[in-house]
Amino acid sequence: MSSLTAALFAALAVYAFGWIRDLWTGNFALLLFVLSLVTFAYWLAERFCFLPQRRRAAEALVAADAERRAKWAAQGLKADVTDIEGARQALLRQPWWLDWTAGLFPVLLAVFLLRSFVFEPFRIPSGSMVPTLLVGDLIVVNKFHYGIRLPVINKKIVDNHPVQRGDVMVFRYPKNPAVDYIKRVVAVPGDVVTWRNQKLYLNGQEVPTTLQGPFYDRSGAVSRTRYTEQLGALSHDILVERHLQPLIPGDPTRPHADQCQHTLEGLTCTVPPGHYFMMGDSRDNSEDSRFWGFVPDENIVGKASAVWMHFWDFSRIGPIR
């Protein structure tokens, strides 16, 4: 068993090395699930096989020592002094391969359950959500806000709160579900969303914005214009340059491409059932639904709820607006 365990650890090390070096794409949820299953198997083997074996061996040792002492006493001889308790403890002690497998099972199970159904940490990797979220923010994702989903397969089994316009959501990137993205929900199923001349419209009405002034975007080392945008009852800051007119190319091969019409001024999309239209708060620095399409409900990971740490700026800690 020690050789098998060593081989398993070696395979884990190779997998982690390739993941870190981008030789292949890792899936942490699947890895955690597999590790939980493997350590559970070791935990069962320890509880019902290996531990009873060690206990029987320890009891046999104590019984043999007691029998030896009784025989010596019957002959009027004094038994030699032996460290029987130390030998007994040595027999009961877990070998390293059980200590690092069965011993880790409760910890791995707790982490797996918390990460799958309660909260998941996430690190902001890019500047697409500036000024709401900065590069390096460590955030907490609420996994049960939108409902309870089975881990790994991400199948929703219990509904909770509906997705609201203005929510900051973590989701699996539709073009590569192994990668997590974070954007803001700007339109929900049935909405007609328009991005035209650097302004957002919902169902024919321009989304209200209030000019706040310049904002220094550290992620791009440039100064951008900041506005406060009102999406329903939720307000948040965005960065956008009204004078720019970036071209948004259409992609006829993406899912539900027929729901969008592109012009030189922007695009208009009708959000299909079970899908959402996402945009970054840094509107000129975000690859989002304008470019790759809608996010299906089954890709939802959870709602971004708070920044729990930013090592260079502790004032960042707090709820996400």
Protein backbone atom coordinates (compact mmCIF):
# COMPACT_ATOMS: atom_id res chain seq x y z
CA MET A 1 0.00 0.00 0.00
CA SER A 2 2.86 2.38 0.68
CA SER A 3 4.10 1.93 -2.91
CA LEU A 4 0.60 2.56 -4.29
CA THR A 5 0.26 5.69 -2.17
CA ALA A 6 3.66 6.95 -3.29
CA ALA A 7 2.59 6.41 -6.92
CA LEU A 8 -0.63 8.37 -6.31
CA PHE A 9 1.32 11.29 -4.79
CA ALA A 10 3.73 11.20 -7.74
CA ALA A 11 0.80 11.37 -10.19
CA LEU A 12 -0.65 14.30 -8.24
CA ALA A 13 2.70 16.11 -8.37
CA VAL A 14 2.94 15.60 -12.15
CA TYR A 15 -0.63 16.87 -12.62
CA ALA A 16 0.04 19.97 -10.49
CA PHE A 17 3.34 20.67 -12.28
CA GLY A 18 1.71 20.49 -15.70
CA TRP A 19 -1.16 22.69 -14.51
CA ILE A 20 1.20 25.36 -13.16
CA ARG A 21 3.31 25.28 -16.33
CA ASP A 22 0.18 25.49 -18.54
CA LEU A 23 0.93 22.13 -20.16
CA TRP A 24 -2.73 21.25 -19.66
CA THR A 25 -5.85 22.80 -18.14
CA GLY A 26 -6.59 21.89 -14.54
CA ASN A 27 -9.99 21.46 -12.93
CA PHE A 28 -9.73 22.18 -9.22
CA ALA A 29 -13.29 21.13 -8.41
CA LEU A 30 -12.78 17.75 -10.09
CA LEU A 31 -9.36 17.34 -8.46
CA LEU A 32 -10.81 18.06 -5.02
CA PHE A 33 -13.66 15.62 -5.66
CA VAL A 34 -11.27 12.84 -6.73
CA LEU A 35 -8.97 13.47 -3.74
CA SER A 36 -11.98 13.34 -1.41
CA LEU A 37 -13.05 9.98 -2.89
CA VAL A 38 -9.53 8.51 -2.72
CA THR A 39 -8.92 9.64 0.86
CA PHE A 40 -12.41 8.39 1.81
CA ALA A 41 -11.46 4.94 0.50
CA TYR A 42 -8.31 5.03 2.63
CA TRP A 43 -10.35 6.28 5.62
CA LEU A 44 -12.75 3.33 5.26
CA ALA A 45 -9.84 0.90 4.91
CA GLU A 46 -8.21 2.38 8.01
CA ARG A 47 -11.39 2.27 10.09
CA PHE A 48 -12.52 -1.23 9.17
CA CYS A 49 -9.31 -3.03 8.19
CA PHE A 50 -5.92 -1.53 9.08
CA LEU A 51 -6.80 -0.11 12.53
CA PRO A 52 -8.48 -3.35 13.73
CA GLN A 53 -5.39 -5.26 12.51
CA ARG A 54 -3.06 -2.99 14.49
CA ARG A 55 -5.25 -3.25 17.55
CA ARG A 56 -5.28 -7.05 17.38
CA ALA A 57 -1.51 -7.05 17.01
CA ALA A 58 -1.16 -4.74 20.03
CA GLU A 59 -3.53 -6.88 22.12
CA ALA A 60 -1.63 -10.02 21.11
CA LEU A 61 1.64 -8.39 22.16
CA VAL A 62 0.25 -7.42 25.57
CA ALA A 63 -1.29 -10.89 26.05
CA ALA A 64 2.00 -12.61 25.09
CA ASP A 65 3.91 -10.41 27.54
CA ALA A 66 1.43 -11.17 30.32
CA GLU A 67 1.67 -14.91 29.58
CA ARG A 68 5.48 -14.77 29.63
CA ARG A 69 5.51 -12.95 32.96
CA ALA A 70 3.04 -15.46 34.44
CA LYS A 71 5.25 -18.40 33.37
CA TRP A 72 8.35 -16.80 34.86
CA ALA A 73 6.50 -16.04 38.10
CA ALA A 74 5.30 -19.66 38.34
CA GLN A 75 8.93 -20.75 38.18
CA GLY A 76 9.89 -18.24 40.87
CA LEU A 77 11.78 -16.12 38.39
CA LYS A 78 11.54 -12.37 37.95
CA ALA A 79 10.61 -11.20 34.45
CA ASP A 80 12.98 -8.84 32.69
CA VAL A 81 12.02 -5.20 32.36
CA THR A 82 10.71 -4.44 28.86
CA ASP A 83 9.05 -1.35 27.40
CA ILE A 84 5.85 -3.12 26.47
CA GLU A 85 3.84 0.13 26.35
CA GLY A 86 6.26 1.70 23.88
CA ALA A 87 6.07 -1.38 21.67
CA ARG A 88 2.27 -1.33 21.92
CA GLN A 89 2.11 2.34 20.86
CA ALA A 90 4.45 1.63 17.95
CA LEU A 91 2.10 -1.08 16.70
CA LEU A 92 -0.92 1.22 16.97
CA ARG A 93 0.76 4.14 15.21
CA GLN A 94 -0.52 4.98 11.69
CA PRO A 95 2.02 4.49 8.91
CA TRP A 96 2.86 7.61 6.87
CA TRP A 97 0.77 6.57 3.89
CA LEU A 98 -2.38 6.40 6.04
CA ASP A 99 -1.54 9.58 7.93
CA TRP A 100 -1.36 11.48 4.62
CA THR A 101 -4.50 9.94 3.13
CA ALA A 102 -7.07 8.76 5.68
CA GLY A 103 -5.89 11.49 8.06
CA LEU A 104 -6.57 14.19 5.46
CA PHE A 105 -10.05 12.97 4.52
CA PRO A 106 -12.04 15.09 7.07
CA VAL A 107 -10.15 18.24 6.04
CA LEU A 108 -10.57 17.61 2.30
CA LEU A 109 -14.25 16.77 2.76
CA ALA A 110 -14.88 20.00 4.69
CA VAL A 111 -13.06 22.07 2.05
CA PHE A 112 -14.92 20.30 -0.77
CA LEU A 113 -18.34 20.88 0.80
CA LEU A 114 -17.65 24.52 1.69
CA ARG A 115 -16.22 25.28 -1.75
CA SER A 116 -19.00 23.44 -3.58
CA PHE A 117 -22.05 24.70 -1.70
CA VAL A 118 -21.15 27.76 0.41
CA PHE A 119 -18.25 30.03 -0.57
CA GLU A 120 -15.34 29.92 -3.00
CA PRO A 121 -12.34 32.27 -3.09
CA PHE A 122 -11.48 33.96 -6.36
CA ARG A 123 -8.63 36.26 -7.41
CA ILE A 124 -9.25 39.11 -9.83
CA PRO A 125 -6.81 38.47 -12.70
CA SER A 126 -7.49 41.41 -15.02
CA GLY A 127 -8.70 45.00 -15.12
CA SER A 128 -12.02 44.37 -16.87
CA MET A 129 -14.01 45.15 -13.68
CA VAL A 130 -12.16 48.34 -12.69
CA PRO A 131 -13.14 50.47 -10.76
CA THR A 132 -15.41 48.03 -8.88
CA LEU A 133 -12.71 45.36 -8.62
CA LEU A 134 -8.98 45.87 -9.00
CA VAL A 135 -6.31 43.45 -10.14
CA GLY A 136 -5.18 41.51 -7.06
CA ASP A 137 -8.48 41.74 -5.16
CA LEU A 138 -9.25 38.46 -3.39
CA ILE A 139 -13.00 38.02 -3.37
CA VAL A 140 -15.57 35.64 -1.89
CA VAL A 141 -18.07 34.04 -4.27
CA ASN A 142 -21.42 33.07 -2.76
CA LYS A 143 -22.13 29.65 -4.26
CA PHE A 144 -25.69 29.21 -2.95
CA HIS A 145 -27.09 32.70 -3.70
CA TYR A 146 -28.55 31.60 -7.04
CA GLY A 147 -29.29 28.05 -5.91
CA ILE A 148 -27.61 24.81 -4.92
CA ARG A 149 -25.68 23.05 -7.69
CA LEU A 150 -24.07 19.65 -7.75
CA PRO A 151 -20.28 20.00 -7.75
CA VAL A 152 -18.20 19.14 -10.83
CA ILE A 153 -21.23 18.79 -13.17
CA ASN A 154 -22.68 22.16 -11.97
CA LYS A 155 -26.27 20.90 -12.20
CA LYS A 156 -28.73 23.09 -10.28
CA ILE A 157 -30.93 21.05 -7.94
CA VAL A 158 -32.43 23.81 -5.74
CA ASP A 159 -33.38 27.36 -6.77
CA ASN A 160 -32.65 30.35 -4.59
CA HIS A 161 -32.47 34.02 -5.60
CA PRO A 162 -32.98 34.92 -9.27
CA VAL A 163 -30.18 36.65 -11.15
CA GLN A 164 -30.65 40.42 -11.02
CA ARG A 165 -29.42 43.14 -13.34
CA GLY A 166 -26.38 44.71 -11.74
CA ASP A 167 -25.16 41.53 -9.99
CA VAL A 168 -21.44 40.85 -10.18
CA MET A 169 -21.25 37.20 -11.21
CA VAL A 170 -18.54 34.58 -11.57
CA PHE A 171 -19.24 32.13 -14.38
CA ARG A 172 -17.55 29.60 -16.62
CA TYR A 173 -16.38 31.21 -19.83
CA PRO A 174 -18.71 29.86 -22.57
CA LYS A 175 -15.86 29.42 -25.08
CA ASN A 176 -13.73 27.54 -22.52
CA PRO A 177 -15.70 26.33 -19.46
CA ALA A 178 -12.47 25.38 -17.67
CA VAL A 179 -11.80 29.12 -17.20
CA ASP A 180 -13.74 31.29 -14.74
CA TYR A 181 -14.73 34.84 -15.71
CA ILE A 182 -16.21 37.66 -13.64
CA LYS A 183 -18.47 40.34 -15.13
CA ARG A 184 -21.60 42.31 -14.30
CA VAL A 185 -25.07 41.18 -15.35
CA VAL A 186 -26.60 43.94 -17.49
CA ALA A 187 -29.48 42.03 -19.07
CA VAL A 188 -31.56 38.99 -18.11
CA PRO A 189 -33.71 36.63 -20.25
CA GLY A 190 -36.19 38.53 -22.42
CA ASP A 191 -34.36 41.87 -22.22
CA VAL A 192 -33.42 43.77 -25.35
CA VAL A 193 -29.96 45.19 -24.67
CA THR A 194 -28.23 47.74 -26.88
CA TRP A 195 -24.69 49.07 -26.75
CA ARG A 196 -24.61 52.05 -29.08
CA ASN A 197 -22.20 54.98 -29.26
CA GLN A 198 -20.62 53.94 -25.96
CA LYS A 199 -23.97 54.00 -24.11
CA LEU A 200 -26.09 51.17 -22.70
CA TYR A 201 -29.81 50.83 -23.43
CA LEU A 202 -32.25 48.34 -21.91
CA ASN A 203 -35.59 47.64 -23.53
CA GLY A 204 -35.37 50.86 -25.50
CA GLN A 205 -34.44 53.10 -22.56
CA GLU A 206 -30.97 54.54 -21.98
CA VAL A 207 -29.50 53.37 -18.68
CA PRO A 208 -28.92 56.52 -16.56
CA THR A 209 -25.33 57.55 -15.87
CA THR A 210 -23.81 60.38 -13.88
CA LEU A 211 -20.38 61.81 -14.69
CA GLN A 212 -17.96 61.51 -11.75
CA GLY A 213 -14.69 62.67 -13.34
CA PRO A 214 -11.30 61.12 -14.09
CA PHE A 215 -10.12 57.84 -12.57
CA TYR A 216 -6.56 56.54 -12.72
CA ASP A 217 -6.69 52.93 -13.88
CA ARG A 218 -3.58 51.30 -12.42
CA SER A 219 -4.13 48.09 -14.40
CA GLY A 220 -3.68 49.99 -17.66
CA ALA A 221 -1.65 52.89 -16.25
CA VAL A 222 -4.03 55.38 -17.88
CA SER A 223 -6.62 57.90 -16.75
CA ARG A 224 -10.19 57.05 -17.74
CA THR A 225 -13.54 58.78 -17.31
CA ARG A 226 -15.69 57.44 -14.50
CA TYR A 227 -19.49 57.44 -14.44
CA THR A 228 -22.04 56.09 -11.97
CA GLU A 229 -24.47 53.79 -13.75
CA GLN A 230 -27.96 52.99 -12.42
CA LEU A 231 -29.17 49.48 -13.31
CA GLY A 232 -32.61 49.27 -11.74
CA ALA A 233 -32.18 49.69 -7.98
CA LEU A 234 -28.42 49.08 -8.15
CA SER A 235 -25.83 51.77 -8.83
CA HIS A 236 -22.15 51.18 -9.56
CA ASP A 237 -19.21 52.93 -11.15
CA ILE A 238 -18.03 52.28 -14.70
CA LEU A 239 -15.19 53.55 -16.87
CA VAL A 240 -15.97 54.52 -20.46
CA GLU A 241 -14.74 57.01 -23.02
CA ARG A 242 -17.74 58.43 -24.88
CA HIS A 243 -15.63 59.76 -27.75
CA LEU A 244 -14.32 56.33 -28.73
CA GLN A 245 -16.09 54.16 -31.28
CA PRO A 246 -14.58 50.66 -31.09
CA LEU A 247 -15.78 48.16 -33.66
CA ILE A 248 -17.62 45.15 -32.24
CA PRO A 249 -17.33 42.35 -34.82
CA GLY A 250 -20.10 39.80 -35.20
CA ASP A 251 -19.43 36.07 -35.01
CA PRO A 252 -22.07 34.03 -36.86
CA THR A 253 -20.73 30.77 -35.39
CA ARG A 254 -21.38 31.59 -31.73
CA PRO A 255 -24.55 30.27 -30.02
CA HIS A 256 -27.66 32.44 -30.51
CA ALA A 257 -25.80 34.71 -32.93
CA ASP A 258 -29.14 35.30 -34.69
CA GLN A 259 -30.35 37.16 -31.57
CA CYS A 260 -27.89 40.02 -32.19
CA GLN A 261 -27.73 42.72 -34.87
CA HIS A 262 -24.44 44.55 -35.39
CA THR A 263 -23.96 48.04 -36.79
CA LEU A 264 -21.06 50.45 -37.01
CA GLU A 265 -22.41 52.12 -33.85
CA GLY A 266 -22.59 48.91 -31.75
CA LEU A 267 -25.04 46.04 -31.39
CA THR A 268 -28.53 45.12 -30.20
CA CYS A 269 -29.31 41.69 -28.70
CA THR A 270 -32.41 39.95 -27.39
CA VAL A 271 -31.38 37.78 -24.46
CA PRO A 272 -32.70 34.21 -24.98
CA PRO A 273 -34.31 32.17 -22.16
CA GLY A 274 -31.87 30.78 -19.62
CA HIS A 275 -29.07 33.18 -20.67
CA TYR A 276 -27.54 36.46 -19.48
CA PHE A 277 -25.73 39.38 -21.09
CA MET A 278 -22.55 40.28 -19.22
CA MET A 279 -20.30 43.34 -19.40
CA GLY A 280 -17.20 44.49 -17.56
CA ASP A 281 -17.30 47.78 -15.66
CA SER A 282 -14.25 48.96 -17.58
CA ARG A 283 -16.27 49.11 -20.78
CA ASP A 284 -13.36 49.82 -23.14
CA ASN A 285 -11.15 47.18 -21.52
CA SER A 286 -13.41 44.15 -21.28
CA GLU A 287 -13.93 41.11 -23.46
CA ASP A 288 -17.53 40.26 -22.64
CA SER A 289 -20.93 39.33 -24.12
CA ARG A 290 -20.53 42.01 -26.77
CA PHE A 291 -17.77 39.89 -28.30
CA TRP A 292 -18.48 36.23 -27.42
CA GLY A 293 -22.19 36.07 -26.68
CA PHE A 294 -24.51 35.10 -23.84
CA VAL A 295 -23.78 33.18 -20.63
CA PRO A 296 -26.05 30.14 -20.13
CA ASP A 297 -27.51 29.50 -16.68
CA GLU A 298 -25.60 26.22 -16.31
CA ASN A 299 -22.31 28.17 -16.45
CA ILE A 300 -23.05 30.21 -13.33
CA VAL A 301 -20.58 29.71 -10.48
CA GLY A 302 -21.95 32.22 -7.98
CA LYS A 303 -22.41 35.83 -6.95
CA ALA A 304 -19.33 37.86 -6.04
CA SER A 305 -20.20 39.21 -2.60
CA ALA A 306 -17.13 40.77 -0.96
CA VAL A 307 -13.43 41.56 -1.19
CA TRP A 308 -11.85 39.70 1.71
CA MET A 309 -8.24 40.76 1.09
CA HIS A 310 -6.02 42.98 -1.02
CA PHE A 311 -2.45 42.72 0.24
CA TRP A 312 -1.41 46.18 -0.98
CA ASP A 313 -4.56 48.08 -0.01
CA PHE A 314 -6.52 46.94 3.05
CA SER A 315 -9.16 49.63 2.41
CA ARG A 316 -10.38 47.44 -0.47
CA ILE A 317 -11.82 44.93 2.03
CA GLY A 318 -15.61 45.04 2.14
CA PRO A 319 -18.83 44.22 0.24
CA ILE A 320 -18.95 44.51 -3.55
CA ARG A 321 -21.37 47.05 -4.96
